[in-house]
Protein backbone atom coordinates (compact mmCIF):
# COMPACT_ATOMS: atom_id res chain seq x y z
CA UNK A 1 33.50 7.91 -8.54
CA UNK A 2 29.75 8.49 -8.81
CA UNK A 3 27.62 5.37 -8.91
CA UNK A 4 24.20 4.59 -10.36
CA UNK A 5 21.92 2.01 -8.79
CA UNK A 6 20.06 -0.45 -11.01
CA UNK A 7 17.16 -2.39 -9.47
CA UNK A 8 14.71 -4.96 -10.76
CA UNK A 9 12.01 -6.49 -8.57
CA UNK A 10 10.47 -9.94 -8.63
CA UNK A 11 7.18 -9.78 -6.74
CA UNK A 12 5.28 -12.93 -5.75
CA UNK A 13 1.57 -12.25 -5.36
CA UNK A 14 -0.57 -14.95 -3.75
CA UNK A 15 -3.80 -15.16 -5.72
CA UNK A 16 -7.03 -15.07 -3.70
CA UNK A 17 -8.51 -18.31 -4.96
CA UNK A 18 -10.43 -20.58 -2.59
CA UNK A 19 -8.36 -23.59 -3.65
CA UNK A 20 -4.83 -24.32 -4.81
CA UNK A 21 -3.39 -24.01 -8.31
CA UNK A 22 -3.64 -27.68 -9.23
CA UNK A 23 -5.87 -29.22 -6.55
CA UNK A 24 -9.07 -28.58 -4.62
CA UNK A 25 -7.28 -28.09 -1.29
CA UNK A 26 -8.25 -24.96 0.67
CA UNK A 27 -5.88 -21.97 0.68
CA UNK A 28 -7.35 -20.44 3.86
CA UNK A 29 -4.67 -18.83 6.02
CA UNK A 30 -4.01 -19.89 9.61
CA UNK A 31 -4.91 -23.59 9.60
CA UNK A 32 -2.99 -26.07 11.74
CA UNK A 33 0.28 -27.14 10.06
CA UNK A 34 -0.01 -29.84 7.40
CA UNK A 35 -3.81 -29.99 7.46
CA UNK A 36 -4.20 -28.42 3.99
CA UNK A 37 -1.95 -30.55 1.78
CA UNK A 38 -3.42 -33.50 -0.13
CA UNK A 39 -2.04 -36.20 -2.41
CA UNK A 40 -2.16 -33.87 -5.43
CA UNK A 41 -0.14 -31.17 -3.67
CA UNK A 42 2.47 -33.80 -2.80
CA UNK A 43 2.48 -35.31 -6.34
CA UNK A 44 1.87 -38.80 -5.07
CA UNK A 45 2.24 -41.53 -7.75
CA UNK A 46 -0.79 -41.72 -10.01
CA UNK A 47 -2.09 -38.21 -9.25
CA UNK A 48 -2.61 -35.68 -12.03
CA UNK A 49 -2.79 -31.88 -11.59
CA UNK A 50 -5.77 -29.89 -12.88
CA UNK A 51 -5.36 -26.15 -13.48
CA UNK A 52 -7.50 -23.81 -11.38
CA UNK A 53 -9.37 -21.74 -14.00
CA UNK A 54 -10.04 -18.94 -11.51
CA UNK A 55 -6.29 -18.44 -11.06
CA UNK A 56 -5.90 -18.18 -14.83
CA UNK A 57 -8.60 -15.49 -14.99
CA UNK A 58 -6.87 -13.54 -12.21
CA UNK A 59 -3.53 -13.66 -14.04
CA UNK A 60 -5.13 -12.41 -17.27
CA UNK A 61 -6.96 -9.71 -15.30
CA UNK A 62 -3.64 -8.42 -13.98
CA UNK A 63 -2.13 -8.46 -17.47
CA UNK A 64 -5.00 -6.38 -18.84
CA UNK A 65 -4.68 -3.91 -15.95
CA UNK A 66 -1.07 -3.10 -16.89
CA UNK A 67 -1.80 -3.16 -20.65
CA UNK A 68 0.42 -6.21 -21.10
CA UNK A 69 0.64 -8.83 -23.82
CA UNK A 70 -1.55 -11.82 -22.95
CA UNK A 71 -0.13 -15.22 -23.84
CA UNK A 72 -2.85 -16.97 -25.80
CA UNK A 73 -0.80 -20.13 -25.44
CA UNK A 74 1.03 -20.55 -22.15
CA UNK A 75 2.99 -23.58 -21.01
CA UNK A 76 3.76 -24.89 -17.53
CA UNK A 77 7.25 -26.19 -16.80
CA UNK A 78 8.94 -28.14 -14.05
CA UNK A 79 11.58 -26.14 -12.20
CA UNK A 80 13.69 -28.83 -10.55
CA UNK A 81 15.48 -28.27 -7.26
CA UNK A 82 15.64 -29.92 -3.86
CA UNK A 83 14.52 -28.17 -0.71
CA UNK A 84 12.79 -29.72 2.34
CA UNK A 85 9.63 -27.60 1.92
CA UNK A 86 9.25 -28.57 -1.76
CA UNK A 87 7.52 -31.97 -1.49
CA UNK A 88 7.49 -32.75 -5.21
CA UNK A 89 11.18 -32.10 -5.74
CA UNK A 90 10.16 -29.57 -8.39
CA UNK A 91 8.00 -26.46 -8.68
CA UNK A 92 5.41 -26.14 -11.42
CA UNK A 93 6.08 -22.75 -13.01
CA UNK A 94 6.26 -21.06 -16.42
CA UNK A 95 9.48 -20.27 -18.29
CA UNK A 96 9.34 -19.46 -22.00
CA UNK A 97 5.59 -19.06 -22.47
CA UNK A 98 4.09 -17.15 -19.50
CA UNK A 99 0.46 -16.13 -19.16
CA UNK A 100 1.35 -12.41 -19.11
CA UNK A 101 4.05 -10.86 -21.30
CA UNK A 102 5.47 -7.35 -21.53
CA UNK A 103 3.56 -4.50 -19.91
CA UNK A 104 4.22 -1.36 -17.88
CA UNK A 105 2.94 0.79 -15.06
CA UNK A 106 3.45 4.38 -13.98
CA UNK A 107 4.79 5.20 -10.53
CA UNK A 108 4.26 8.48 -8.67
CA UNK A 109 7.17 9.88 -6.66
CA UNK A 110 6.93 12.10 -3.57
CA UNK A 111 8.18 15.15 -5.52
CA UNK A 112 5.26 14.85 -7.94
CA UNK A 113 7.24 13.32 -10.81
CA UNK A 114 6.12 10.20 -12.64
CA UNK A 115 8.09 7.37 -14.22
CA UNK A 116 7.07 4.44 -16.39
CA UNK A 117 8.47 1.08 -15.27
CA UNK A 118 8.52 -1.87 -17.62
CA UNK A 119 7.13 -5.25 -16.59
CA UNK A 120 8.98 -8.08 -18.30
CA UNK A 121 6.43 -10.79 -17.56
CA UNK A 122 4.03 -12.18 -14.98
CA UNK A 123 3.95 -15.95 -14.81
CA UNK A 124 1.87 -18.38 -12.81
CA UNK A 125 3.46 -20.86 -10.45
CA UNK A 126 2.74 -22.83 -7.30
CA UNK A 127 4.11 -21.85 -3.90
CA UNK A 128 6.37 -24.07 -1.82
CA UNK A 129 5.73 -25.05 1.78
CA UNK A 130 7.24 -23.22 4.73
CA UNK A 131 10.23 -24.12 6.88
CA UNK A 132 9.77 -23.41 10.61
CA UNK A 133 12.89 -22.82 12.67
CA UNK A 134 11.80 -21.04 15.84
CA UNK A 135 10.30 -23.82 17.96
CA UNK A 136 12.41 -26.84 17.18
CA UNK A 137 15.69 -26.23 19.07
CA UNK A 138 18.30 -26.83 16.42
CA UNK A 139 15.94 -28.57 14.01
CA UNK A 140 13.48 -27.36 11.37
CA UNK A 141 9.80 -28.17 10.98
CA UNK A 142 7.98 -28.22 7.65
CA UNK A 143 4.45 -26.92 7.13
CA UNK A 144 3.09 -27.90 3.71
CA UNK A 145 -0.20 -25.98 3.94
CA UNK A 146 1.12 -23.35 1.54
CA UNK A 147 2.46 -25.90 -0.98
CA UNK A 148 0.54 -25.56 -4.24
CA UNK A 149 -0.99 -22.15 -3.44
CA UNK A 150 -1.29 -20.14 -6.69
CA UNK A 151 1.23 -17.36 -7.18
CA UNK A 152 1.67 -14.73 -9.84
CA UNK A 153 5.35 -13.77 -10.11
CA UNK A 154 5.65 -10.27 -11.55
CA UNK A 155 9.10 -9.47 -12.92
CA UNK A 156 10.07 -5.86 -13.60
CA UNK A 157 12.60 -4.56 -16.09
CA UNK A 158 15.77 -3.16 -14.42
CA UNK A 159 14.27 0.35 -14.72
CA UNK A 160 14.36 1.35 -11.05
CA UNK A 161 17.18 3.66 -9.97
CA UNK A 162 16.69 4.07 -6.23
CA UNK A 163 15.19 2.38 -3.20
CA UNK A 164 12.43 5.01 -3.16
CA UNK A 165 11.50 4.19 -6.76
CA UNK A 166 11.43 0.50 -5.84
CA UNK A 167 9.03 1.20 -2.96
CA UNK A 168 6.83 3.38 -5.18
CA UNK A 169 6.68 0.57 -7.76
CA UNK A 170 5.88 -2.03 -5.10
CA UNK A 171 3.12 0.17 -3.64
CA UNK A 172 1.63 0.69 -7.10
CA UNK A 173 1.62 -3.07 -7.70
CA UNK A 174 0.02 -3.59 -4.29
CA UNK A 175 -2.66 -1.04 -5.13
CA UNK A 176 -3.43 -2.66 -8.49
CA UNK A 177 -3.74 -6.25 -7.23
CA UNK A 178 -5.95 -5.13 -4.34
CA UNK A 179 -8.19 -3.06 -6.66
CA UNK A 180 -8.49 -6.06 -8.96
CA UNK A 181 -9.43 -8.27 -6.00
CA UNK A 182 -6.93 -10.94 -7.08
CA UNK A 183 -4.97 -10.75 -3.79
CA UNK A 184 -5.31 -9.17 -0.36
CA UNK A 185 -1.66 -8.05 -0.67
CA UNK A 186 -1.03 -8.71 3.04
CA UNK A 187 2.76 -8.76 3.26
CA UNK A 188 2.69 -9.81 6.93
CA UNK A 189 0.95 -13.06 5.93
CA UNK A 190 3.13 -13.67 2.87
CA UNK A 191 0.43 -12.74 0.36
CA UNK A 192 2.94 -10.45 -1.32
CA UNK A 193 6.68 -11.09 -1.18
CA UNK A 194 9.47 -9.22 -2.88
CA UNK A 195 12.90 -10.24 -4.19
CA UNK A 196 15.16 -7.32 -5.17
CA UNK A 197 17.90 -7.65 -7.78
CA UNK A 198 20.43 -4.92 -7.03
CA UNK A 199 23.57 -3.81 -8.87
CA UNK A 200 25.61 -0.64 -9.29
CA UNK A 201 27.53 0.82 -12.20
CA UNK A 202 29.56 3.98 -12.85
CA UNK A 203 27.28 6.91 -13.60
CA UNK A 204 26.87 7.25 -17.36
CA UNK A 205 27.63 3.60 -18.07
CA UNK A 206 25.11 1.53 -20.02
CA UNK A 207 26.57 -1.83 -19.05
CA UNK A 208 24.86 -3.61 -16.16
CA UNK A 209 26.94 -4.46 -13.11
CA UNK A 210 27.02 -7.80 -11.31
CA UNK A 211 23.79 -8.17 -9.37
CA UNK A 212 22.82 -9.74 -6.11
CA UNK A 213 19.33 -10.91 -5.21
CA UNK A 214 17.83 -10.07 -1.82
CA UNK A 215 15.15 -12.68 -1.07
CA UNK A 216 11.72 -12.48 0.55
CA UNK A 217 11.53 -8.90 1.85
CA UNK A 218 8.17 -8.59 3.58
CA UNK A 219 7.41 -4.88 4.04
CA UNK A 220 7.70 -1.61 2.12
CA UNK A 221 9.98 -0.19 4.82
CA UNK A 222 12.32 -3.17 4.73
CA UNK A 223 12.49 -3.06 0.90
CA UNK A 224 13.86 0.48 1.10
CA UNK A 225 16.28 -0.30 3.92
CA UNK A 226 17.51 -3.57 2.38
CA UNK A 227 18.23 -1.98 -1.01
CA UNK A 228 20.01 1.02 0.51
CA UNK A 229 22.23 -1.10 2.73
CA UNK A 230 23.05 -3.48 -0.16
CA UNK A 231 23.99 -0.54 -2.40
CA UNK A 232 26.30 0.78 0.31
CA UNK A 233 27.87 -2.67 0.68
CA UNK A 234 28.51 -3.01 -3.06
CA UNK A 235 30.03 0.48 -3.35
CA UNK A 236 32.34 -0.12 -0.37
CA UNK A 237 33.33 -3.52 -1.76
CA UNK A 238 34.23 -2.21 -5.23
CA UNK A 239 35.97 0.94 -3.96
CA UNK A 240 38.09 -1.24 -1.69
CA UNK A 241 39.27 -3.22 -4.71
CA UNK A 242 36.87 -6.17 -4.42
CA UNK A 243 34.23 -7.51 -6.79
CA UNK A 244 30.52 -8.20 -6.37
CA UNK A 245 29.63 -11.89 -6.50
CA UNK A 246 26.38 -13.03 -8.13
CA UNK A 247 24.58 -14.51 -5.14
CA UNK A 248 21.35 -14.64 -3.18
CA UNK A 249 21.35 -12.67 0.06
CA UNK A 250 18.97 -12.30 3.01
CA UNK A 251 18.09 -9.04 4.75
CA UNK A 252 18.42 -9.01 8.56
CA UNK A 253 16.10 -6.23 9.77
CA UNK A 254 17.43 -6.33 13.35
CA UNK A 255 21.05 -5.79 12.29
CA UNK A 256 20.09 -3.79 9.17
CA UNK A 257 22.44 -5.78 6.96
CA UNK A 258 22.31 -8.26 4.10
CA UNK A 259 24.18 -11.53 4.38
CA UNK A 260 25.06 -14.24 1.91
CA UNK A 261 22.59 -17.12 1.62
CA UNK A 262 23.82 -19.07 -1.44
CA UNK A 263 25.36 -18.58 -4.87
CA UNK A 264 22.79 -17.29 -7.36
CA UNK A 265 21.32 -19.96 -9.59
CA UNK A 266 20.70 -19.51 -13.32
CA UNK A 267 17.97 -21.15 -15.42
CA UNK A 268 20.21 -24.09 -16.42
CA UNK A 269 20.63 -25.05 -12.76
CA UNK A 270 16.92 -25.80 -12.53
CA UNK A 271 16.79 -28.20 -15.53
CA UNK A 272 13.51 -26.70 -16.73
CA UNK A 273 11.37 -28.90 -18.99
CA UNK A 274 7.69 -28.77 -19.99
CA UNK A 275 5.37 -30.23 -17.35
CA UNK A 276 4.32 -33.57 -18.90
CA UNK A 277 1.13 -33.82 -16.83
CA UNK A 278 -0.32 -30.50 -18.02
CA UNK A 279 -1.37 -29.55 -21.54
CA UNK A 280 -0.57 -26.06 -22.87
CA UNK A 281 -3.18 -23.51 -21.83
CA UNK A 282 -4.89 -22.02 -24.87
CA UNK A 283 -7.22 -19.03 -24.56
CA UNK A 284 -8.93 -16.97 -27.25
CA UNK A 285 -10.04 -13.37 -27.73
CA UNK A 286 -13.51 -14.04 -26.34
CA UNK A 287 -12.00 -15.30 -23.06
CA UNK A 288 -9.76 -12.23 -22.83
CA UNK A 289 -12.65 -9.85 -23.55
CA UNK A 290 -14.85 -11.58 -20.98
CA UNK A 291 -12.13 -11.00 -18.37
CA UNK A 292 -11.68 -7.39 -19.53
CA UNK A 293 -15.34 -6.71 -18.79
CA UNK A 294 -14.74 -7.60 -15.13
CA UNK A 295 -12.03 -4.96 -14.68
CA UNK A 296 -12.94 -2.42 -11.98
CA UNK A 297 -12.04 1.26 -11.92
CA UNK A 298 -8.25 1.17 -11.38
CA UNK A 299 -6.17 3.51 -9.15
CA UNK A 300 -5.12 5.95 -11.90
CA UNK A 301 -8.67 6.26 -13.21
CA UNK A 302 -10.02 6.76 -9.71
CA UNK A 303 -7.41 9.45 -8.99
CA UNK A 304 -8.46 11.29 -12.16
CA UNK A 305 -12.14 11.01 -11.23
CA UNK A 306 -11.51 12.29 -7.70
CA UNK A 307 -9.90 15.39 -9.18
CA UNK A 308 -12.71 15.98 -11.66
CA UNK A 309 -15.73 14.96 -9.56
CA UNK A 310 -14.66 16.30 -6.18
CA UNK A 311 -12.29 19.11 -7.18
CA UNK A 312 -9.45 17.61 -5.15
CA UNK A 313 -5.82 18.49 -5.74
CA UNK A 314 -3.71 15.96 -7.61
CA UNK A 315 -1.86 15.13 -4.38
CA UNK A 316 -5.03 14.58 -2.31
CA UNK A 317 -6.59 12.48 -5.06
CA UNK A 318 -3.42 10.37 -5.35
CA UNK A 319 -3.22 9.70 -1.61
CA UNK A 320 -6.91 8.84 -1.29
CA UNK A 321 -7.00 6.57 -4.34
CA UNK A 322 -3.80 4.62 -3.55
CA UNK A 323 -5.67 2.25 -1.22
CA UNK A 324 -9.08 0.90 -2.27
CA UNK A 325 -10.49 0.74 1.27
CA UNK A 326 -9.41 4.33 1.93
CA UNK A 327 -10.94 5.48 -1.36
CA UNK A 328 -14.24 3.78 -0.54
CA UNK A 329 -14.25 5.21 2.99
CA UNK A 330 -13.60 8.72 1.68
CA UNK A 331 -16.43 8.50 -0.84
CA UNK A 332 -18.84 7.32 1.87
CA UNK A 333 -17.90 10.28 4.07
CA UNK A 334 -18.13 12.78 1.21
CA UNK A 335 -21.54 11.46 0.15
CA UNK A 336 -22.92 11.60 3.70
CA UNK A 337 -21.76 15.14 4.53
CA UNK A 338 -21.70 16.62 1.01
CA UNK A 339 -18.26 18.20 1.41
CA UNK A 340 -15.41 16.43 -0.41
CA UNK A 341 -12.62 18.79 0.65
CA UNK A 342 -13.41 18.63 4.38
CA UNK A 343 -13.83 14.87 4.05
CA UNK A 344 -10.42 14.55 2.39
CA UNK A 345 -8.79 16.69 5.07
CA UNK A 346 -10.22 14.61 7.91
CA UNK A 347 -9.53 11.22 6.30
CA UNK A 348 -5.93 12.18 5.44
CA UNK A 349 -5.39 14.08 8.68
CA UNK A 350 -6.86 13.13 12.05
CA UNK A 351 -8.22 9.74 10.97
CA UNK A 352 -4.98 8.62 9.30
CA UNK A 353 -2.92 9.82 12.26
CA UNK A 354 -5.04 7.67 14.59
CA UNK A 355 -4.78 4.65 12.27
CA UNK A 356 -1.01 5.03 11.97
CA UNK A 357 -0.62 5.31 15.73
CA UNK A 358 -2.69 2.19 16.35
CA UNK A 359 -1.23 0.39 13.30
CA UNK A 360 -4.72 -0.35 12.00
CA UNK A 361 -6.10 -0.62 8.46
CA UNK A 362 -8.98 1.75 7.75
CA UNK A 363 -11.36 -1.24 7.67
CA UNK A 364 -10.76 -1.62 11.41
CA UNK A 365 -11.27 2.05 12.28
CA UNK A 366 -13.18 2.73 15.49
CA UNK A 367 -14.90 5.56 13.63
CA UNK A 368 -17.14 4.61 10.73
CA UNK A 369 -17.50 6.73 7.61
CA UNK A 370 -21.01 7.70 8.76
CA UNK A 371 -19.72 8.78 12.18
CA UNK A 372 -16.95 10.93 10.68
CA UNK A 373 -19.47 12.52 8.32
CA UNK A 374 -21.52 13.40 11.42
CA UNK A 375 -18.61 15.45 12.81
CA UNK A 376 -18.06 17.23 9.50
CA UNK A 377 -21.77 18.03 9.15
CA UNK A 378 -21.73 19.75 12.55
CA UNK A 379 -18.71 21.85 11.46
CA UNK A 380 -20.54 22.83 8.28
CA UNK A 381 -23.71 23.99 10.05
CA UNK A 382 -21.66 25.93 12.63
CA UNK A 383 -22.78 23.75 15.53
CA UNK A 384 -19.10 23.27 16.44
CA UNK A 385 -15.81 24.79 15.35
CA UNK A 386 -12.97 22.83 13.74
CA UNK A 387 -11.11 22.96 17.04
CA UNK A 388 -14.05 21.58 19.03
CA UNK A 389 -14.48 18.92 16.34
CA UNK A 390 -11.12 17.46 17.38
CA UNK A 391 -12.48 17.04 20.91
CA UNK A 392 -15.56 15.30 19.51
CA UNK A 393 -13.27 13.05 17.42
CA UNK A 394 -11.26 12.02 20.51
CA UNK A 395 -14.47 11.35 22.46
CA UNK A 396 -15.76 9.24 19.59
CA UNK A 397 -12.54 7.19 19.67
CA UNK A 398 -13.18 6.63 23.37
CA UNK A 399 -16.55 5.13 22.50
CA UNK A 400 -18.68 7.95 23.89
CA UNK A 401 -21.24 7.93 21.10
CA UNK A 402 -21.97 9.78 17.87
CA UNK A 403 -21.21 13.44 17.17
CA UNK A 404 -24.59 14.83 18.23
CA UNK A 405 -24.74 12.95 21.54
CA UNK A 406 -21.14 13.94 22.42
CA UNK A 407 -21.81 17.61 21.59
CA UNK A 408 -24.94 17.57 23.70
CA UNK A 409 -23.55 15.70 26.70
CA UNK A 410 -20.36 17.77 26.89
CA UNK A 411 -22.02 21.12 26.13
CA UNK A 412 -19.76 21.74 23.14
CA UNK A 413 -22.22 23.61 20.97
CA UNK A 414 -20.60 26.64 19.39
CA UNK A 415 -21.68 30.12 20.53
CA UNK A 416 -23.05 31.92 17.47
CA UNK A 417 -25.25 34.39 19.33
CA UNK A 418 -24.02 37.81 18.16
CA UNK A 419 -24.89 39.51 21.43
CA UNK A 420 -22.97 37.01 23.56
CA UNK A 421 -19.92 37.20 21.31
CA UNK A 422 -20.04 41.01 21.24
CA UNK A 423 -20.04 41.14 25.05
CA UNK A 424 -16.89 38.98 25.20
CA UNK A 425 -15.20 40.99 22.41
CA UNK A 426 -15.92 44.32 24.17
CA UNK A 427 -14.52 42.96 27.43
CA UNK A 428 -11.30 41.71 25.81
CA UNK A 429 -10.76 45.04 24.00
CA UNK A 430 -11.36 47.00 27.20
CA UNK A 431 -8.87 44.86 29.17
CA UNK A 432 -6.03 45.13 26.62
CA UNK A 433 -5.43 48.82 25.70
CA UNK A 434 -1.77 48.26 24.82
CA UNK A 435 -2.60 45.68 22.17
CA UNK A 436 -5.43 47.89 20.90
CA UNK A 437 -2.96 50.70 20.29
CA UNK A 438 -0.53 48.30 18.56
CA UNK A 439 -3.29 47.25 16.17
CA UNK A 440 -4.22 50.89 15.47
CA UNK A 441 -0.54 51.61 14.79
CA UNK A 442 -0.56 49.07 11.97
CA UNK A 443 0.50 45.87 13.74
CA UNK A 444 -2.39 43.87 12.31
CA UNK A 445 -1.03 40.47 13.35
CA UNK A 446 -2.00 41.30 16.93
CA UNK A 447 -5.54 40.36 15.89
CA UNK A 448 -4.50 36.77 16.65
CA UNK A 449 -3.97 37.75 20.29
CA UNK A 450 -7.50 39.15 20.56
CA UNK A 451 -9.06 36.11 18.88
CA UNK A 452 -7.22 33.87 21.33
CA UNK A 453 -8.46 35.85 24.32
CA UNK A 454 -12.08 35.73 23.15
CA UNK A 455 -11.87 32.00 22.43
CA UNK A 456 -10.39 31.50 25.89
CA UNK A 457 -13.21 33.50 27.47
CA UNK A 458 -15.79 31.40 25.57
CA UNK A 459 -14.02 28.13 26.48
CA UNK A 460 -13.44 27.58 22.77
CA UNK A 461 -17.12 27.75 21.90
CA UNK A 462 -17.33 31.09 20.11
CA UNK A 463 -17.54 30.96 16.34
CA UNK A 464 -14.00 31.94 15.23
CA UNK A 465 -15.21 33.53 11.99
CA UNK A 466 -17.68 35.77 13.79
CA UNK A 467 -15.10 36.65 16.44
CA UNK A 468 -12.54 37.64 13.83
CA UNK A 469 -14.96 39.76 11.86
CA UNK A 470 -16.35 41.54 14.93
CA UNK A 471 -12.87 42.29 16.32
CA UNK A 472 -11.75 43.87 13.04
CA UNK A 473 -14.88 46.02 12.92
CA UNK A 474 -14.54 47.24 16.51
CA UNK A 475 -10.75 47.74 16.43
CA UNK A 476 -11.06 49.81 13.27
CA UNK A 477 -13.52 52.26 14.83
């Protein structure tokens, strides 16, 4: 039997506010455990929560970015459950009246196709604390610094049909929240966490299968692996005569498997009721329009502009606009050297390869946009060839200075003197009569051999374009 995968994602985005959702406690990452949790975060008797207005603006901003319905009246609810890192015994969340309603976003697949994915809702809620298991030898520690941190939980429709689509959707969400400046999206620090609801059904069926939820997947790579391995597990289970149980599972990246964590709860299990200490949040059109005016250029608009303004291909524009820091870096390089295509090639090529190897974000690149533009400018004015430029790039990574000083100190300036090149060309032709005859007999690809010999003789410094042109002229005589 052929099976179809059905996936919905619940993505928790930590909002980049300076303080928590209902208190003035700092949200700064990396503080000593339990130093950033006050009496309001712990719901001590007599304390009353006060909504962080900045968090509300950020939630509305996201809703506008995905063309979603904005809840002019939203209500906070208590989601009741017991867990050691939940100091209140309940989580303040939103159930029936979220801040952001239905919306959608378009994902771009590797084969160039696009797909629209529905967003069911995006509701505001507070984060729980964090359980620490590693250093307590059979016990667990609790760090409540994160308790009360504002989250936006973004729930997709079950429109995703493969792990690759799920990753593309997650990357698009990541791109949007970072462009908006409402989150840094750092998955390694928990700023963005993903729960995947996965089920399978016979191909052609419209009825949804029993789903499992994989909790707290913290990287794009693990999202893809976790979904694929869970799909395999469900198919094997059903084809062996078993049934899928509705449950919450954890992904073990070391063993590449999902394992059962607990039976999956439903809304009734949480005994939701309206938060009695918070009034409904009512916003009007003027508030929404004021937030709309703060929207930046979003990824899709930037991609379109890159194609129109810089003449980039759709693929290049999509890659460069996916990450805001990369897009800004590219534009700085292009402006400084006045060559968008060469800038795109270097940012997507040598620079990205170096960043991937070192596992660095572009903001921590050893080579600044100005420095990379310096290399490209020297290619453009024929001071160096593209091949020599790679040597300059490596020297720059080693901290040997800017492009001009490296070219000067290493004697890398390209030979463009026609007389010097002609002397080398004549010598190579004279020393290789067999290849000369092959070329004259119609084997034109042998020109590559001659170019290689001249470049070798010039220690890579001869201008390749001049060499190629001169060889063709002389070999055709």
